[in-house]
Amino acid sequence: MPSAQLKIGWTTLASSAEAQALARDLVSRGLAVCCQVDGPVQSIYHWQGKIESAPEFRLTIKFLSDRQSRMEAVLLAQHPYDTPEWVVVEATAVSEKYLSWAQSVPHS
């Protein structure tokens, strides 16, 4: 059976505190191997027929493919937005040492 591969997901939250709390929960559960909070960033988007603009904090989540469904369930259940951004890409090139470390992170 092939080893789990690294994926990277993004979401945004209204405050740094919310982003950090979600990040800590995902890492403490062993669902994410690493999270990073950036921001604020300025988001401009369509919402309910209008163009909106809001400062947000980007949460980048690195996780293994075999943990994706459980991680997404927790993230979406805890996310305060009605329609949270959730975008995932596969990491096509990952250093051997980093991937080995990610695969060694315990999970529940």
PDB file of N, CA and C in Angstrom:
ATOM      1  N   MET A   1       0.850  -1.189   0.000  1.00  0.00           N
ATOM      2  CA  MET A   1       0.000   0.000   0.000  1.00  0.00           C
ATOM      3  C   MET A   1       0.891   1.246   0.000  1.00  0.00           C
ATOM      4  N   PRO A   2       0.655   2.215  -0.899  1.00  0.00           N
ATOM      5  CA  PRO A   2       1.499   3.407  -0.952  1.00  0.00           C
ATOM      6  C   PRO A   2       1.296   4.283   0.282  1.00  0.00           C
ATOM      7  N   SER A   3       2.356   5.003   0.666  1.00  0.00           N
ATOM      8  CA  SER A   3       2.266   5.923   1.795  1.00  0.00           C
ATOM      9  C   SER A   3       1.376   7.104   1.438  1.00  0.00           C
ATOM     10  N   ALA A   4       0.788   7.698   2.464  1.00  0.00           N
ATOM     11  CA  ALA A   4      -0.053   8.877   2.270  1.00  0.00           C
ATOM     12  C   ALA A   4       0.780  10.016   1.700  1.00  0.00           C
ATOM     13  N   GLN A   5       0.177  10.789   0.832  1.00  0.00           N
ATOM     14  CA  GLN A   5       0.850  11.923   0.210  1.00  0.00           C
ATOM     15  C   GLN A   5       0.448  13.214   0.907  1.00  0.00           C
ATOM     16  N   LEU A   6       1.267  14.248   0.743  1.00  0.00           N
ATOM     17  CA  LEU A   6       1.008  15.536   1.365  1.00  0.00           C
ATOM     18  C   LEU A   6       0.036  16.346   0.517  1.00  0.00           C
ATOM     19  N   LYS A   7      -0.921  16.961   1.186  1.00  0.00           N
ATOM     20  CA  LYS A   7      -1.852  17.890   0.548  1.00  0.00           C
ATOM     21  C   LYS A   7      -1.791  19.210   1.307  1.00  0.00           C
ATOM     22  N   ILE A   8      -2.214  20.270   0.634  1.00  0.00           N
ATOM     23  CA  ILE A   8      -2.235  21.596   1.231  1.00  0.00           C
ATOM     24  C   ILE A   8      -3.616  22.185   0.995  1.00  0.00           C
ATOM     25  N   GLY A   9      -4.222  22.682   2.062  1.00  0.00           N
ATOM     26  CA  GLY A   9      -5.547  23.295   1.959  1.00  0.00           C
ATOM     27  C   GLY A   9      -5.522  24.710   2.510  1.00  0.00           C
ATOM     28  N   TRP A  10      -6.454  25.526   2.025  1.00  0.00           N
ATOM     29  CA  TRP A  10      -6.572  26.909   2.489  1.00  0.00           C
ATOM     30  C   TRP A  10      -7.994  27.214   2.883  1.00  0.00           C
ATOM     31  N   THR A  11      -8.101  28.019   3.915  1.00  0.00           N
ATOM     32  CA  THR A  11      -9.375  28.608   4.291  1.00  0.00           C
ATOM     33  C   THR A  11      -9.071  29.995   4.842  1.00  0.00           C
ATOM     34  N   THR A  12     -10.105  30.787   5.065  1.00  0.00           N
ATOM     35  CA  THR A  12      -9.909  32.108   5.658  1.00  0.00           C
ATOM     36  C   THR A  12     -10.873  32.266   6.824  1.00  0.00           C
ATOM     37  N   LEU A  13     -10.452  33.071   7.787  1.00  0.00           N
ATOM     38  CA  LEU A  13     -11.259  33.353   8.962  1.00  0.00           C
ATOM     39  C   LEU A  13     -11.205  34.842   9.256  1.00  0.00           C
ATOM     40  N   ALA A  14     -12.134  35.319  10.058  1.00  0.00           N
ATOM     41  CA  ALA A  14     -12.260  36.755  10.310  1.00  0.00           C
ATOM     42  C   ALA A  14     -11.176  37.305  11.229  1.00  0.00           C
ATOM     43  N   SER A  15     -10.572  36.458  12.060  1.00  0.00           N
ATOM     44  CA  SER A  15      -9.563  36.972  12.993  1.00  0.00           C
ATOM     45  C   SER A  15      -8.397  35.995  13.116  1.00  0.00           C
ATOM     46  N   SER A  16      -7.274  36.539  13.545  1.00  0.00           N
ATOM     47  CA  SER A  16      -6.099  35.716  13.794  1.00  0.00           C
ATOM     48  C   SER A  16      -6.388  34.713  14.907  1.00  0.00           C
ATOM     49  N   ALA A  17      -7.113  35.131  15.926  1.00  0.00           N
ATOM     50  CA  ALA A  17      -7.433  34.237  17.047  1.00  0.00           C
ATOM     51  C   ALA A  17      -8.258  33.039  16.577  1.00  0.00           C
ATOM     52  N   GLU A  18      -9.239  33.266  15.696  1.00  0.00           N
ATOM     53  CA  GLU A  18     -10.044  32.151  15.173  1.00  0.00           C
ATOM     54  C   GLU A  18      -9.177  31.202  14.351  1.00  0.00           C
ATOM     55  N   ALA A  19      -8.313  31.761  13.518  1.00  0.00           N
ATOM     56  CA  ALA A  19      -7.448  30.944  12.678  1.00  0.00           C
ATOM     57  C   ALA A  19      -6.487  30.125  13.537  1.00  0.00           C
ATOM     58  N   GLN A  20      -5.910  30.751  14.555  1.00  0.00           N
ATOM     59  CA  GLN A  20      -4.979  30.037  15.424  1.00  0.00           C
ATOM     60  C   GLN A  20      -5.687  28.947  16.229  1.00  0.00           C
ATOM     61  N   ALA A  21      -6.887  29.196  16.689  1.00  0.00           N
ATOM     62  CA  ALA A  21      -7.639  28.195  17.455  1.00  0.00           C
ATOM     63  C   ALA A  21      -7.955  26.979  16.589  1.00  0.00           C
ATOM     64  N   LEU A  22      -8.399  27.212  15.369  1.00  0.00           N
ATOM     65  CA  LEU A  22      -8.701  26.108  14.460  1.00  0.00           C
ATOM     66  C   LEU A  22      -7.423  25.338  14.125  1.00  0.00           C
ATOM     67  N   ALA A  23      -6.341  26.063  13.871  1.00  0.00           N
ATOM     68  CA  ALA A  23      -5.060  25.425  13.567  1.00  0.00           C
ATOM     69  C   ALA A  23      -4.608  24.536  14.719  1.00  0.00           C
ATOM     70  N   ARG A  24      -4.654  25.054  15.928  1.00  0.00           N
ATOM     71  CA  ARG A  24      -4.228  24.274  17.100  1.00  0.00           C
ATOM     72  C   ARG A  24      -5.073  23.017  17.265  1.00  0.00           C
ATOM     73  N   ASP A  25      -6.379  23.133  17.037  1.00  0.00           N
ATOM     74  CA  ASP A  25      -7.249  21.970  17.176  1.00  0.00           C
ATOM     75  C   ASP A  25      -6.906  20.901  16.139  1.00  0.00           C
ATOM     76  N   LEU A  26      -6.723  21.313  14.879  1.00  0.00           N
ATOM     77  CA  LEU A  26      -6.413  20.348  13.823  1.00  0.00           C
ATOM     78  C   LEU A  26      -5.077  19.660  14.072  1.00  0.00           C
ATOM     79  N   VAL A  27      -4.075  20.419  14.541  1.00  0.00           N
ATOM     80  CA  VAL A  27      -2.764  19.834  14.818  1.00  0.00           C
ATOM     81  C   VAL A  27      -2.831  18.948  16.062  1.00  0.00           C
ATOM     82  N   SER A  28      -3.520  19.400  17.104  1.00  0.00           N
ATOM     83  CA  SER A  28      -3.573  18.601  18.340  1.00  0.00           C
ATOM     84  C   SER A  28      -4.306  17.279  18.130  1.00  0.00           C
ATOM     85  N   ARG A  29      -5.240  17.236  17.205  1.00  0.00           N
ATOM     86  CA  ARG A  29      -5.946  15.992  16.885  1.00  0.00           C
ATOM     87  C   ARG A  29      -5.121  15.084  15.966  1.00  0.00           C
ATOM     88  N   GLY A  30      -4.003  15.608  15.451  1.00  0.00           N
ATOM     89  CA  GLY A  30      -3.187  14.836  14.534  1.00  0.00           C
ATOM     90  C   GLY A  30      -3.753  14.781  13.128  1.00  0.00           C
ATOM     91  N   LEU A  31      -4.692  15.673  12.824  1.00  0.00           N
ATOM     92  CA  LEU A  31      -5.300  15.690  11.488  1.00  0.00           C
ATOM     93  C   LEU A  31      -4.474  16.518  10.516  1.00  0.00           C
ATOM     94  N   ALA A  32      -3.864  17.576  11.006  1.00  0.00           N
ATOM     95  CA  ALA A  32      -2.956  18.412  10.208  1.00  0.00           C
ATOM     96  C   ALA A  32      -1.557  18.217  10.770  1.00  0.00           C
ATOM     97  N   VAL A  33      -0.553  18.229   9.888  1.00  0.00           N
ATOM     98  CA  VAL A  33       0.822  18.112  10.381  1.00  0.00           C
ATOM     99  C   VAL A  33       1.428  19.484  10.669  1.00  0.00           C
ATOM    100  N   CYS A  34       0.898  20.517  10.015  1.00  0.00           N
ATOM    101  CA  CYS A  34       1.403  21.871  10.205  1.00  0.00           C
ATOM    102  C   CYS A  34       0.364  22.853   9.678  1.00  0.00           C
ATOM    103  N   CYS A  35       0.193  23.954  10.391  1.00  0.00           N
ATOM    104  CA  CYS A  35      -0.700  25.026   9.926  1.00  0.00           C
ATOM    105  C   CYS A  35       0.048  26.350  10.023  1.00  0.00           C
ATOM    106  N   GLN A  36      -0.284  27.260   9.123  1.00  0.00           N
ATOM    107  CA  GLN A  36       0.315  28.588   9.136  1.00  0.00           C
ATOM    108  C   GLN A  36      -0.791  29.629   8.992  1.00  0.00           C
ATOM    109  N   VAL A  37      -0.689  30.704   9.760  1.00  0.00           N
ATOM    110  CA  VAL A  37      -1.667  31.790   9.708  1.00  0.00           C
ATOM    111  C   VAL A  37      -0.992  32.996   9.073  1.00  0.00           C
ATOM    112  N   ASP A  38      -1.586  33.517   8.012  1.00  0.00           N
ATOM    113  CA  ASP A  38      -1.100  34.720   7.325  1.00  0.00           C
ATOM    114  C   ASP A  38      -2.161  35.799   7.437  1.00  0.00           C
ATOM    115  N   GLY A  39      -1.705  37.050   7.421  1.00  0.00           N
ATOM    116  CA  GLY A  39      -2.694  38.105   7.311  1.00  0.00           C
ATOM    117  C   GLY A  39      -2.398  39.269   8.231  1.00  0.00           C
ATOM    118  N   PRO A  40      -3.277  40.214   8.096  1.00  0.00           N
ATOM    119  CA  PRO A  40      -4.519  40.100   7.330  1.00  0.00           C
ATOM    120  C   PRO A  40      -4.290  40.223   5.822  1.00  0.00           C
ATOM    121  N   VAL A  41      -5.176  39.570   5.089  1.00  0.00           N
ATOM    122  CA  VAL A  41      -5.266  39.717   3.640  1.00  0.00           C
ATOM    123  C   VAL A  41      -6.604  40.381   3.349  1.00  0.00           C
ATOM    124  N   GLN A  42      -6.706  41.058   2.235  1.00  0.00           N
ATOM    125  CA  GLN A  42      -7.965  41.711   1.874  1.00  0.00           C
ATOM    126  C   GLN A  42      -8.683  40.834   0.858  1.00  0.00           C
ATOM    127  N   SER A  43      -9.853  40.348   1.218  1.00  0.00           N
ATOM    128  CA  SER A  43     -10.647  39.519   0.309  1.00  0.00           C
ATOM    129  C   SER A  43     -11.736  40.371  -0.338  1.00  0.00           C
ATOM    130  N   ILE A  44     -11.873  40.212  -1.645  1.00  0.00           N
ATOM    131  CA  ILE A  44     -12.909  40.901  -2.414  1.00  0.00           C
ATOM    132  C   ILE A  44     -13.681  39.828  -3.145  1.00  0.00           C
ATOM    133  N   TYR A  45     -15.004  39.786  -2.958  1.00  0.00           N
ATOM    134  CA  TYR A  45     -15.798  38.662  -3.436  1.00  0.00           C
ATOM    135  C   TYR A  45     -17.268  39.047  -3.618  1.00  0.00           C
ATOM    136  N   HIS A  46     -17.977  38.239  -4.395  1.00  0.00           N
ATOM    137  CA  HIS A  46     -19.428  38.394  -4.531  1.00  0.00           C
ATOM    138  C   HIS A  46     -20.108  37.700  -3.362  1.00  0.00           C
ATOM    139  N   TRP A  47     -21.081  38.357  -2.752  1.00  0.00           N
ATOM    140  CA  TRP A  47     -21.858  37.721  -1.682  1.00  0.00           C
ATOM    141  C   TRP A  47     -23.261  38.326  -1.679  1.00  0.00           C
ATOM    142  N   GLN A  48     -24.230  37.465  -1.873  1.00  0.00           N
ATOM    143  CA  GLN A  48     -25.640  37.851  -1.861  1.00  0.00           C
ATOM    144  C   GLN A  48     -25.917  39.048  -2.769  1.00  0.00           C
ATOM    145  N   GLY A  49     -25.399  38.951  -3.996  1.00  0.00           N
ATOM    146  CA  GLY A  49     -25.687  39.942  -5.022  1.00  0.00           C
ATOM    147  C   GLY A  49     -24.858  41.212  -4.974  1.00  0.00           C
ATOM    148  N   LYS A  50     -23.898  41.302  -4.067  1.00  0.00           N
ATOM    149  CA  LYS A  50     -23.076  42.509  -3.961  1.00  0.00           C
ATOM    150  C   LYS A  50     -21.601  42.115  -3.957  1.00  0.00           C
ATOM    151  N   ILE A  51     -20.762  43.079  -4.320  1.00  0.00           N
ATOM    152  CA  ILE A  51     -19.322  42.884  -4.178  1.00  0.00           C
ATOM    153  C   ILE A  51     -18.945  43.359  -2.784  1.00  0.00           C
ATOM    154  N   GLU A  52     -18.330  42.468  -2.031  1.00  0.00           N
ATOM    155  CA  GLU A  52     -17.930  42.737  -0.651  1.00  0.00           C
ATOM    156  C   GLU A  52     -16.415  42.799  -0.561  1.00  0.00           C
ATOM    157  N   SER A  53     -15.930  43.392   0.504  1.00  0.00           N
ATOM    158  CA  SER A  53     -14.506  43.455   0.790  1.00  0.00           C
ATOM    159  C   SER A  53     -14.342  43.324   2.296  1.00  0.00           C
ATOM    160  N   ALA A  54     -13.412  42.458   2.712  1.00  0.00           N
ATOM    161  CA  ALA A  54     -13.211  42.252   4.145  1.00  0.00           C
ATOM    162  C   ALA A  54     -11.781  41.791   4.423  1.00  0.00           C
ATOM    163  N   PRO A  55     -11.225  42.247   5.537  1.00  0.00           N
ATOM    164  CA  PRO A  55      -9.929  41.704   5.947  1.00  0.00           C
ATOM    165  C   PRO A  55     -10.144  40.309   6.534  1.00  0.00           C
ATOM    166  N   GLU A  56      -9.260  39.390   6.183  1.00  0.00           N
ATOM    167  CA  GLU A  56      -9.359  38.028   6.694  1.00  0.00           C
ATOM    168  C   GLU A  56      -7.958  37.503   6.992  1.00  0.00           C
ATOM    169  N   PHE A  57      -7.914  36.385   7.676  1.00  0.00           N
ATOM    170  CA  PHE A  57      -6.654  35.707   7.966  1.00  0.00           C
ATOM    171  C   PHE A  57      -6.683  34.359   7.267  1.00  0.00           C
ATOM    172  N   ARG A  58      -5.638  34.107   6.472  1.00  0.00           N
ATOM    173  CA  ARG A  58      -5.547  32.871   5.702  1.00  0.00           C
ATOM    174  C   ARG A  58      -4.910  31.788   6.557  1.00  0.00           C
ATOM    175  N   LEU A  59      -5.559  30.649   6.607  1.00  0.00           N
ATOM    176  CA  LEU A  59      -5.034  29.491   7.308  1.00  0.00           C
ATOM    177  C   LEU A  59      -4.629  28.462   6.268  1.00  0.00           C
ATOM    178  N   THR A  60      -3.331  28.186   6.210  1.00  0.00           N
ATOM    179  CA  THR A  60      -2.786  27.165   5.312  1.00  0.00           C
ATOM    180  C   THR A  60      -2.592  25.907   6.142  1.00  0.00           C
ATOM    181  N   ILE A  61      -3.120  24.794   5.639  1.00  0.00           N
ATOM    182  CA  ILE A  61      -3.114  23.545   6.395  1.00  0.00           C
ATOM    183  C   ILE A  61      -2.409  22.473   5.572  1.00  0.00           C
ATOM    184  N   LYS A  62      -1.369  21.873   6.143  1.00  0.00           N
ATOM    185  CA  LYS A  62      -0.665  20.769   5.489  1.00  0.00           C
ATOM    186  C   LYS A  62      -1.112  19.482   6.174  1.00  0.00           C
ATOM    187  N   PHE A  63      -1.516  18.519   5.376  1.00  0.00           N
ATOM    188  CA  PHE A  63      -2.059  17.282   5.940  1.00  0.00           C
ATOM    189  C   PHE A  63      -1.811  16.129   4.982  1.00  0.00           C
ATOM    190  N   LEU A  64      -1.929  14.922   5.509  1.00  0.00           N
ATOM    191  CA  LEU A  64      -1.731  13.725   4.692  1.00  0.00           C
ATOM    192  C   LEU A  64      -3.058  13.282   4.092  1.00  0.00           C
ATOM    193  N   SER A  65      -2.969  12.737   2.891  1.00  0.00           N
ATOM    194  CA  SER A  65      -4.174  12.364   2.150  1.00  0.00           C
ATOM    195  C   SER A  65      -5.055  11.382   2.905  1.00  0.00           C
ATOM    196  N   ASP A  66      -4.472  10.497   3.728  1.00  0.00           N
ATOM    197  CA  ASP A  66      -5.296   9.529   4.453  1.00  0.00           C
ATOM    198  C   ASP A  66      -6.058  10.143   5.627  1.00  0.00           C
ATOM    199  N   ARG A  67      -5.794  11.411   5.926  1.00  0.00           N
ATOM    200  CA  ARG A  67      -6.496  12.111   7.013  1.00  0.00           C
ATOM    201  C   ARG A  67      -7.474  13.159   6.484  1.00  0.00           C
ATOM    202  N   GLN A  68      -7.563  13.281   5.164  1.00  0.00           N
ATOM    203  CA  GLN A  68      -8.324  14.378   4.566  1.00  0.00           C
ATOM    204  C   GLN A  68      -9.802  14.387   4.954  1.00  0.00           C
ATOM    205  N   SER A  69     -10.483  13.271   4.864  1.00  0.00           N
ATOM    206  CA  SER A  69     -11.933  13.294   5.120  1.00  0.00           C
ATOM    207  C   SER A  69     -12.239  13.650   6.575  1.00  0.00           C
ATOM    208  N   ARG A  70     -11.477  13.101   7.532  1.00  0.00           N
ATOM    209  CA  ARG A  70     -11.710  13.441   8.940  1.00  0.00           C
ATOM    210  C   ARG A  70     -11.345  14.895   9.216  1.00  0.00           C
ATOM    211  N   MET A  71     -10.239  15.358   8.631  1.00  0.00           N
ATOM    212  CA  MET A  71      -9.806  16.733   8.843  1.00  0.00           C
ATOM    213  C   MET A  71     -10.825  17.708   8.291  1.00  0.00           C
ATOM    214  N   GLU A  72     -11.331  17.443   7.077  1.00  0.00           N
ATOM    215  CA  GLU A  72     -12.334  18.323   6.474  1.00  0.00           C
ATOM    216  C   GLU A  72     -13.614  18.352   7.302  1.00  0.00           C
ATOM    217  N   ALA A  73     -14.034  17.209   7.828  1.00  0.00           N
ATOM    218  CA  ALA A  73     -15.252  17.159   8.638  1.00  0.00           C
ATOM    219  C   ALA A  73     -15.114  18.053   9.873  1.00  0.00           C
ATOM    220  N   VAL A  74     -13.973  17.976  10.549  1.00  0.00           N
ATOM    221  CA  VAL A  74     -13.741  18.811  11.728  1.00  0.00           C
ATOM    222  C   VAL A  74     -13.668  20.278  11.333  1.00  0.00           C
ATOM    223  N   LEU A  75     -12.905  20.584  10.295  1.00  0.00           N
ATOM    224  CA  LEU A  75     -12.744  21.967   9.855  1.00  0.00           C
ATOM    225  C   LEU A  75     -14.098  22.593   9.502  1.00  0.00           C
ATOM    226  N   LEU A  76     -14.889  21.910   8.698  1.00  0.00           N
ATOM    227  CA  LEU A  76     -16.158  22.477   8.255  1.00  0.00           C
ATOM    228  C   LEU A  76     -17.178  22.558   9.392  1.00  0.00           C
ATOM    229  N   ALA A  77     -17.119  21.640  10.340  1.00  0.00           N
ATOM    230  CA  ALA A  77     -18.027  21.683  11.488  1.00  0.00           C
ATOM    231  C   ALA A  77     -17.696  22.853  12.417  1.00  0.00           C
ATOM    232  N   GLN A  78     -16.419  23.190  12.539  1.00  0.00           N
ATOM    233  CA  GLN A  78     -15.997  24.252  13.454  1.00  0.00           C
ATOM    234  C   GLN A  78     -15.919  25.630  12.808  1.00  0.00           C
ATOM    235  N   HIS A  79     -15.896  25.673  11.492  1.00  0.00           N
ATOM    236  CA  HIS A  79     -15.695  26.954  10.805  1.00  0.00           C
ATOM    237  C   HIS A  79     -16.897  27.866  11.051  1.00  0.00           C
ATOM    238  N   PRO A  80     -16.655  29.135  11.417  1.00  0.00           N
ATOM    239  CA  PRO A  80     -17.768  30.039  11.728  1.00  0.00           C
ATOM    240  C   PRO A  80     -18.517  30.588  10.504  1.00  0.00           C
ATOM    241  N   TYR A  81     -17.957  30.468   9.303  1.00  0.00           N
ATOM    242  CA  TYR A  81     -18.614  31.014   8.116  1.00  0.00           C
ATOM    243  C   TYR A  81     -19.706  30.078   7.624  1.00  0.00           C
ATOM    244  N   ASP A  82     -20.765  30.658   7.032  1.00  0.00           N
ATOM    245  CA  ASP A  82     -21.829  29.857   6.405  1.00  0.00           C
ATOM    246  C   ASP A  82     -21.289  29.092   5.200  1.00  0.00           C
ATOM    247  N   THR A  83     -20.424  29.756   4.429  1.00  0.00           N
ATOM    248  CA  THR A  83     -19.842  29.163   3.225  1.00  0.00           C
ATOM    249  C   THR A  83     -18.332  29.352   3.279  1.00  0.00           C
ATOM    250  N   PRO A  84     -17.635  28.511   4.029  1.00  0.00           N
ATOM    251  CA  PRO A  84     -16.187  28.710   4.161  1.00  0.00           C
ATOM    252  C   PRO A  84     -15.434  28.352   2.888  1.00  0.00           C
ATOM    253  N   GLU A  85     -14.392  29.117   2.631  1.00  0.00           N
ATOM    254  CA  GLU A  85     -13.464  28.750   1.561  1.00  0.00           C
ATOM    255  C   GLU A  85     -12.768  27.464   1.991  1.00  0.00           C
ATOM    256  N   TRP A  86     -12.688  26.493   1.088  1.00  0.00           N
ATOM    257  CA  TRP A  86     -11.891  25.294   1.341  1.00  0.00           C
ATOM    258  C   TRP A  86     -11.373  24.817  -0.002  1.00  0.00           C
ATOM    259  N   VAL A  87     -10.089  25.023  -0.232  1.00  0.00           N
ATOM    260  CA  VAL A  87      -9.430  24.670  -1.480  1.00  0.00           C
ATOM    261  C   VAL A  87      -8.257  23.760  -1.131  1.00  0.00           C
ATOM    262  N   VAL A  88      -8.135  22.641  -1.839  1.00  0.00           N
ATOM    263  CA  VAL A  88      -7.073  21.673  -1.560  1.00  0.00           C
ATOM    264  C   VAL A  88      -6.304  21.382  -2.838  1.00  0.00           C
ATOM    265  N   VAL A  89      -4.980  21.320  -2.718  1.00  0.00           N
ATOM    266  CA  VAL A  89      -4.126  20.903  -3.826  1.00  0.00           C
ATOM    267  C   VAL A  89      -3.199  19.801  -3.329  1.00  0.00           C
ATOM    268  N   GLU A  90      -2.764  18.974  -4.249  1.00  0.00           N
ATOM    269  CA  GLU A  90      -1.802  17.938  -3.940  1.00  0.00           C
ATOM    270  C   GLU A  90      -0.405  18.520  -4.089  1.00  0.00           C
ATOM    271  N   ALA A  91       0.441  18.249  -3.132  1.00  0.00           N
ATOM    272  CA  ALA A  91       1.829  18.687  -3.231  1.00  0.00           C
ATOM    273  C   ALA A  91       2.546  17.689  -4.141  1.00  0.00           C
ATOM    274  N   THR A  92       2.921  18.141  -5.320  1.00  0.00           N
ATOM    275  CA  THR A  92       3.517  17.232  -6.299  1.00  0.00           C
ATOM    276  C   THR A  92       5.009  17.035  -6.093  1.00  0.00           C
ATOM    277  N   ALA A  93       5.641  17.946  -5.372  1.00  0.00           N
ATOM    278  CA  ALA A  93       7.069  17.808  -5.077  1.00  0.00           C
ATOM    279  C   ALA A  93       7.281  18.172  -3.613  1.00  0.00           C
ATOM    280  N   VAL A  94       7.720  17.194  -2.836  1.00  0.00           N
ATOM    281  CA  VAL A  94       7.955  17.396  -1.409  1.00  0.00           C
ATOM    282  C   VAL A  94       9.299  16.758  -1.076  1.00  0.00           C
ATOM    283  N   SER A  95      10.131  17.475  -0.344  1.00  0.00           N
ATOM    284  CA  SER A  95      11.428  16.892   0.004  1.00  0.00           C
ATOM    285  C   SER A  95      11.210  15.605   0.796  1.00  0.00           C
ATOM    286  N   GLU A  96      12.095  14.667   0.584  1.00  0.00           N
ATOM    287  CA  GLU A  96      11.979  13.356   1.222  1.00  0.00           C
ATOM    288  C   GLU A  96      11.956  13.470   2.746  1.00  0.00           C
ATOM    289  N   LYS A  97      12.814  14.331   3.304  1.00  0.00           N
ATOM    290  CA  LYS A  97      12.873  14.488   4.761  1.00  0.00           C
ATOM    291  C   LYS A  97      11.577  15.088   5.305  1.00  0.00           C
ATOM    292  N   TYR A  98      11.023  16.089   4.608  1.00  0.00           N
ATOM    293  CA  TYR A  98       9.791  16.721   5.086  1.00  0.00           C
ATOM    294  C   TYR A  98       8.627  15.736   5.021  1.00  0.00           C
ATOM    295  N   LEU A  99       8.512  15.000   3.925  1.00  0.00           N
ATOM    296  CA  LEU A  99       7.422  14.033   3.786  1.00  0.00           C
ATOM    297  C   LEU A  99       7.560  12.931   4.837  1.00  0.00           C
ATOM    298  N   SER A 100       8.778  12.479   5.087  1.00  0.00           N
ATOM    299  CA  SER A 100       9.007  11.462   6.104  1.00  0.00           C
ATOM    300  C   SER A 100       8.583  11.973   7.466  1.00  0.00           C
ATOM    301  N   TRP A 101       8.938  13.215   7.774  1.00  0.00           N
ATOM    302  CA  TRP A 101       8.508  13.824   9.043  1.00  0.00           C
ATOM    303  C   TRP A 101       6.983  13.880   9.113  1.00  0.00           C
ATOM    304  N   ALA A 102       6.331  14.369   8.052  1.00  0.00           N
ATOM    305  CA  ALA A 102       4.867  14.489   8.033  1.00  0.00           C
ATOM    306  C   ALA A 102       4.210  13.130   8.269  1.00  0.00           C
ATOM    307  N   GLN A 103       4.755  12.101   7.647  1.00  0.00           N
ATOM    308  CA  GLN A 103       4.183  10.766   7.784  1.00  0.00           C
ATOM    309  C   GLN A 103       4.425  10.178   9.176  1.00  0.00           C
ATOM    310  N   SER A 104       5.388  10.729   9.925  1.00  0.00           N
ATOM    311  CA  SER A 104       5.667  10.219  11.267  1.00  0.00           C
ATOM    312  C   SER A 104       4.829  10.913  12.344  1.00  0.00           C
ATOM    313  N   VAL A 105       4.108  11.988  11.999  1.00  0.00           N
ATOM    314  CA  VAL A 105       3.308  12.713  12.987  1.00  0.00           C
ATOM    315  C   VAL A 105       2.155  11.810  13.437  1.00  0.00           C
ATOM    316  N   PRO A 106       2.017  11.595  14.755  1.00  0.00           N
ATOM    317  CA  PRO A 106       0.952  10.705  15.231  1.00  0.00           C
ATOM    318  C   PRO A 106      -0.437  11.309  14.995  1.00  0.00           C
ATOM    319  N   HIS A 107      -1.371  10.430  14.802  1.00  0.00           N
ATOM    320  CA  HIS A 107      -2.754  10.888  14.656  1.00  0.00           C
ATOM    321  C   HIS A 107      -3.671   9.921  15.382  1.00  0.00           C
ATOM    322  N   SER A 108      -4.848  10.443  15.711  1.00  0.00           N
ATOM    323  CA  SER A 108      -5.786   9.618  16.475  1.00  0.00           C
ATOM    324  C   SER A 108      -6.770   8.918  15.566  1.00  0.00           C
TER     325      SER A 108
END
